[in-house]
Amino acid sequence: MKRLKIVYAKRIEKDVKRLEVKTFDHLHKALERLGNNPFPSITTAKTIKKLKIKEPTYRLRVGEYRVIYRIKIEKIIVLRIIHRKELQRELKRLT
């Protein structure tokens, strides 16, 4: 599969400012790997999950944080990087 380009939504800037440097580095590495394999599979079943909302949206689990993203033609659009406790509230907003 061809490597997909990662594009960030405007909201990501605010999300990243709240993160510690160590956490940001960990998330950045996970996002780089995501470009190679953005879909749930047997090997990524615990970290990548397809969310049950209208537009196909996925969640990447990275420690205490979740990356919410959508896949479009040849690119991944990262919508949010949030703490796991904020996930349900954000999913309600996205539906």
N, C-alpha and C. Protein backbone atom coordinates (compact mmCIF):
# COMPACT_ATOMS: atom_id res chain seq x y z
N MET A 1 0.83 -1.18 0.00
CA MET A 1 0.00 0.00 0.00
C MET A 1 0.88 1.25 0.00
N LYS A 2 0.47 2.23 -0.73
CA LYS A 2 1.19 3.49 -0.82
C LYS A 2 1.08 4.27 0.49
N ARG A 3 2.15 4.92 0.89
CA ARG A 3 2.15 5.72 2.12
C ARG A 3 1.23 6.92 1.93
N LEU A 4 0.36 7.15 2.91
CA LEU A 4 -0.59 8.25 2.84
C LEU A 4 -0.02 9.50 3.49
N LYS A 5 -0.36 10.65 2.94
CA LYS A 5 0.07 11.94 3.48
C LYS A 5 -0.79 12.26 4.70
N ILE A 6 -0.18 12.81 5.74
CA ILE A 6 -0.90 13.18 6.95
C ILE A 6 -1.16 14.68 6.94
N VAL A 7 -2.44 15.06 7.06
CA VAL A 7 -2.86 16.46 7.07
C VAL A 7 -3.53 16.72 8.41
N TYR A 8 -3.25 17.88 9.01
CA TYR A 8 -3.79 18.21 10.32
C TYR A 8 -4.87 19.27 10.22
N ALA A 9 -5.95 19.08 10.97
CA ALA A 9 -7.02 20.08 11.05
C ALA A 9 -6.50 21.27 11.86
N LYS A 10 -7.15 22.41 11.73
CA LYS A 10 -6.73 23.62 12.45
C LYS A 10 -6.75 23.43 13.96
N ARG A 11 -7.67 22.66 14.46
CA ARG A 11 -7.84 22.44 15.89
C ARG A 11 -6.62 21.75 16.53
N ILE A 12 -5.84 21.03 15.75
CA ILE A 12 -4.71 20.27 16.27
C ILE A 12 -3.69 21.17 16.95
N GLU A 13 -3.52 22.38 16.47
CA GLU A 13 -2.55 23.30 17.07
C GLU A 13 -2.84 23.52 18.56
N LYS A 14 -4.11 23.71 18.90
CA LYS A 14 -4.49 23.88 20.31
C LYS A 14 -4.26 22.59 21.10
N ASP A 15 -4.58 21.47 20.47
CA ASP A 15 -4.40 20.18 21.15
C ASP A 15 -2.93 19.93 21.48
N VAL A 16 -2.06 20.24 20.54
CA VAL A 16 -0.62 19.98 20.70
C VAL A 16 -0.01 20.90 21.77
N LYS A 17 -0.48 22.12 21.87
CA LYS A 17 0.06 23.06 22.86
C LYS A 17 -0.13 22.55 24.28
N ARG A 18 -1.16 21.74 24.51
CA ARG A 18 -1.44 21.22 25.85
C ARG A 18 -0.58 20.01 26.22
N LEU A 19 0.14 19.45 25.26
CA LEU A 19 0.90 18.23 25.49
C LEU A 19 2.31 18.49 26.00
N GLU A 20 2.82 17.55 26.76
CA GLU A 20 4.23 17.60 27.17
C GLU A 20 5.08 17.17 25.98
N VAL A 21 6.33 17.55 25.98
CA VAL A 21 7.23 17.24 24.86
C VAL A 21 7.36 15.73 24.67
N LYS A 22 7.52 14.99 25.74
CA LYS A 22 7.68 13.54 25.67
C LYS A 22 6.43 12.90 25.05
N THR A 23 5.25 13.35 25.46
CA THR A 23 3.99 12.84 24.93
C THR A 23 3.87 13.17 23.45
N PHE A 24 4.23 14.40 23.09
CA PHE A 24 4.16 14.82 21.69
C PHE A 24 5.06 13.95 20.81
N ASP A 25 6.26 13.67 21.27
CA ASP A 25 7.19 12.83 20.52
C ASP A 25 6.61 11.43 20.29
N HIS A 26 6.01 10.89 21.35
CA HIS A 26 5.40 9.56 21.26
C HIS A 26 4.25 9.57 20.24
N LEU A 27 3.42 10.60 20.28
CA LEU A 27 2.31 10.72 19.34
C LEU A 27 2.81 10.92 17.91
N HIS A 28 3.85 11.71 17.75
CA HIS A 28 4.40 11.98 16.43
C HIS A 28 4.90 10.69 15.76
N LYS A 29 5.59 9.85 16.52
CA LYS A 29 6.07 8.57 15.99
C LYS A 29 4.90 7.67 15.60
N ALA A 30 3.85 7.66 16.42
CA ALA A 30 2.67 6.85 16.11
C ALA A 30 1.98 7.34 14.84
N LEU A 31 1.92 8.65 14.66
CA LEU A 31 1.31 9.21 13.45
C LEU A 31 2.13 8.89 12.20
N GLU A 32 3.44 8.86 12.32
CA GLU A 32 4.28 8.48 11.19
C GLU A 32 4.02 7.03 10.78
N ARG A 33 3.86 6.16 11.76
CA ARG A 33 3.54 4.76 11.46
C ARG A 33 2.15 4.63 10.85
N LEU A 34 1.24 5.51 11.26
CA LEU A 34 -0.12 5.49 10.76
C LEU A 34 -0.17 5.74 9.26
N GLY A 35 0.74 6.53 8.74
CA GLY A 35 0.80 6.79 7.30
C GLY A 35 1.01 5.54 6.48
N ASN A 36 1.63 4.54 7.08
CA ASN A 36 1.88 3.26 6.39
C ASN A 36 0.69 2.31 6.46
N ASN A 37 -0.06 2.36 7.57
CA ASN A 37 -1.17 1.43 7.77
C ASN A 37 -2.28 2.11 8.57
N PRO A 38 -3.18 2.86 7.92
CA PRO A 38 -4.20 3.62 8.64
C PRO A 38 -5.47 2.84 8.99
N PHE A 39 -5.60 1.61 8.49
CA PHE A 39 -6.82 0.85 8.71
C PHE A 39 -6.66 -0.19 9.81
N PRO A 40 -7.75 -0.53 10.51
CA PRO A 40 -7.67 -1.59 11.52
C PRO A 40 -7.33 -2.93 10.87
N SER A 41 -6.49 -3.68 11.53
CA SER A 41 -6.14 -5.02 11.04
C SER A 41 -5.87 -5.91 12.25
N ILE A 42 -5.51 -7.13 12.00
CA ILE A 42 -5.24 -8.06 13.10
C ILE A 42 -4.09 -7.55 13.97
N THR A 43 -3.06 -7.00 13.35
CA THR A 43 -1.89 -6.54 14.12
C THR A 43 -2.15 -5.23 14.85
N THR A 44 -3.10 -4.42 14.38
CA THR A 44 -3.36 -3.12 15.01
C THR A 44 -4.72 -3.07 15.70
N ALA A 45 -5.33 -4.22 15.94
CA ALA A 45 -6.70 -4.28 16.46
C ALA A 45 -6.88 -3.54 17.78
N LYS A 46 -5.88 -3.52 18.64
CA LYS A 46 -6.03 -2.85 19.93
C LYS A 46 -5.74 -1.36 19.86
N THR A 47 -5.03 -0.93 18.86
CA THR A 47 -4.66 0.48 18.79
C THR A 47 -5.50 1.28 17.80
N ILE A 48 -6.00 0.66 16.73
CA ILE A 48 -6.82 1.37 15.75
C ILE A 48 -8.21 0.76 15.75
N LYS A 49 -9.21 1.64 15.83
CA LYS A 49 -10.59 1.17 15.86
C LYS A 49 -11.44 2.06 14.97
N LYS A 50 -12.33 1.46 14.20
CA LYS A 50 -13.26 2.23 13.39
C LYS A 50 -14.41 2.66 14.31
N LEU A 51 -14.71 3.95 14.30
CA LEU A 51 -15.75 4.49 15.17
C LEU A 51 -17.11 4.40 14.48
N LYS A 52 -18.13 4.25 15.29
CA LYS A 52 -19.49 4.09 14.77
C LYS A 52 -20.20 5.44 14.70
N ILE A 53 -19.76 6.26 13.78
CA ILE A 53 -20.43 7.53 13.51
C ILE A 53 -20.64 7.64 12.01
N LYS A 54 -21.40 8.63 11.56
CA LYS A 54 -21.81 8.72 10.16
C LYS A 54 -20.66 8.61 9.16
N GLU A 55 -19.75 9.54 9.16
CA GLU A 55 -18.64 9.51 8.22
C GLU A 55 -17.56 8.57 8.76
N PRO A 56 -16.98 7.72 7.92
CA PRO A 56 -15.95 6.79 8.42
C PRO A 56 -14.82 7.52 9.15
N THR A 57 -14.73 7.27 10.42
CA THR A 57 -13.76 7.91 11.29
C THR A 57 -13.08 6.84 12.12
N TYR A 58 -11.81 7.06 12.43
CA TYR A 58 -11.03 6.07 13.16
C TYR A 58 -10.41 6.70 14.40
N ARG A 59 -10.06 5.83 15.35
CA ARG A 59 -9.40 6.25 16.57
C ARG A 59 -8.10 5.48 16.72
N LEU A 60 -7.02 6.19 16.96
CA LEU A 60 -5.72 5.58 17.22
C LEU A 60 -5.42 5.78 18.69
N ARG A 61 -5.15 4.69 19.39
CA ARG A 61 -4.85 4.76 20.82
C ARG A 61 -3.34 4.84 21.00
N VAL A 62 -2.90 5.90 21.69
CA VAL A 62 -1.47 6.09 21.98
C VAL A 62 -1.36 6.45 23.46
N GLY A 63 -1.12 5.45 24.29
CA GLY A 63 -1.05 5.69 25.73
C GLY A 63 -2.36 6.24 26.26
N GLU A 64 -2.31 7.37 26.95
CA GLU A 64 -3.50 8.01 27.52
C GLU A 64 -4.24 8.88 26.51
N TYR A 65 -3.70 9.02 25.31
CA TYR A 65 -4.28 9.93 24.31
C TYR A 65 -4.88 9.17 23.15
N ARG A 66 -5.83 9.83 22.49
CA ARG A 66 -6.50 9.26 21.33
C ARG A 66 -6.38 10.24 20.16
N VAL A 67 -6.08 9.71 19.00
CA VAL A 67 -5.99 10.49 17.77
C VAL A 67 -7.22 10.13 16.95
N ILE A 68 -8.06 11.12 16.66
CA ILE A 68 -9.26 10.92 15.86
C ILE A 68 -8.92 11.34 14.44
N TYR A 69 -9.17 10.47 13.46
CA TYR A 69 -8.81 10.80 12.08
C TYR A 69 -9.78 10.19 11.08
N ARG A 70 -9.77 10.78 9.89
CA ARG A 70 -10.54 10.29 8.76
C ARG A 70 -9.59 10.04 7.59
N ILE A 71 -9.97 9.12 6.73
CA ILE A 71 -9.14 8.80 5.58
C ILE A 71 -9.85 9.27 4.32
N LYS A 72 -9.19 10.10 3.57
CA LYS A 72 -9.68 10.59 2.28
C LYS A 72 -8.74 10.06 1.20
N ILE A 73 -8.96 10.41 -0.01
CA ILE A 73 -8.13 9.92 -1.11
C ILE A 73 -6.67 10.31 -0.89
N GLU A 74 -5.85 9.31 -0.69
CA GLU A 74 -4.39 9.45 -0.52
C GLU A 74 -3.95 10.36 0.63
N LYS A 75 -4.83 10.59 1.63
CA LYS A 75 -4.39 11.37 2.80
C LYS A 75 -5.18 10.99 4.04
N ILE A 76 -4.56 11.24 5.16
CA ILE A 76 -5.17 11.03 6.47
C ILE A 76 -5.38 12.41 7.06
N ILE A 77 -6.61 12.70 7.47
CA ILE A 77 -6.91 14.00 8.09
C ILE A 77 -7.04 13.78 9.59
N VAL A 78 -6.10 14.31 10.35
CA VAL A 78 -6.13 14.19 11.81
C VAL A 78 -7.03 15.29 12.34
N LEU A 79 -8.14 14.90 12.98
CA LEU A 79 -9.12 15.86 13.46
C LEU A 79 -8.82 16.35 14.86
N ARG A 80 -8.45 15.44 15.75
CA ARG A 80 -8.19 15.81 17.14
C ARG A 80 -7.16 14.90 17.75
N ILE A 81 -6.45 15.42 18.74
CA ILE A 81 -5.59 14.64 19.62
C ILE A 81 -6.07 14.99 21.02
N ILE A 82 -6.70 14.04 21.68
CA ILE A 82 -7.34 14.32 22.96
C ILE A 82 -7.00 13.26 24.00
N HIS A 83 -7.18 13.63 25.25
CA HIS A 83 -7.01 12.68 26.35
C HIS A 83 -8.16 11.69 26.31
N ARG A 84 -7.94 10.49 26.74
CA ARG A 84 -8.96 9.44 26.65
C ARG A 84 -10.25 9.80 27.37
N LYS A 85 -10.18 10.62 28.43
CA LYS A 85 -11.37 11.01 29.18
C LYS A 85 -12.28 11.94 28.38
N GLU A 86 -11.75 12.61 27.37
CA GLU A 86 -12.53 13.53 26.55
C GLU A 86 -13.14 12.86 25.32
N LEU A 87 -12.86 11.59 25.11
CA LEU A 87 -13.24 10.92 23.87
C LEU A 87 -14.75 10.90 23.63
N GLN A 88 -15.55 10.50 24.60
CA GLN A 88 -16.98 10.40 24.39
C GLN A 88 -17.61 11.75 24.06
N ARG A 89 -17.18 12.79 24.74
CA ARG A 89 -17.71 14.13 24.47
C ARG A 89 -17.37 14.56 23.04
N GLU A 90 -16.17 14.26 22.60
CA GLU A 90 -15.75 14.65 21.26
C GLU A 90 -16.50 13.85 20.20
N LEU A 91 -16.76 12.58 20.45
CA LEU A 91 -17.49 11.77 19.48
C LEU A 91 -18.92 12.27 19.32
N LYS A 92 -19.53 12.73 20.37
CA LYS A 92 -20.88 13.31 20.27
C LYS A 92 -20.86 14.55 19.41
N ARG A 93 -19.79 15.33 19.51
CA ARG A 93 -19.68 16.54 18.72
C ARG A 93 -19.49 16.22 17.23
N LEU A 94 -18.79 15.14 16.93
CA LEU A 94 -18.51 14.76 15.55
C LEU A 94 -19.70 14.13 14.83
N THR A 95 -20.66 13.60 15.56
CA THR A 95 -21.80 12.92 14.90
C THR A 95 -22.79 13.88 14.33
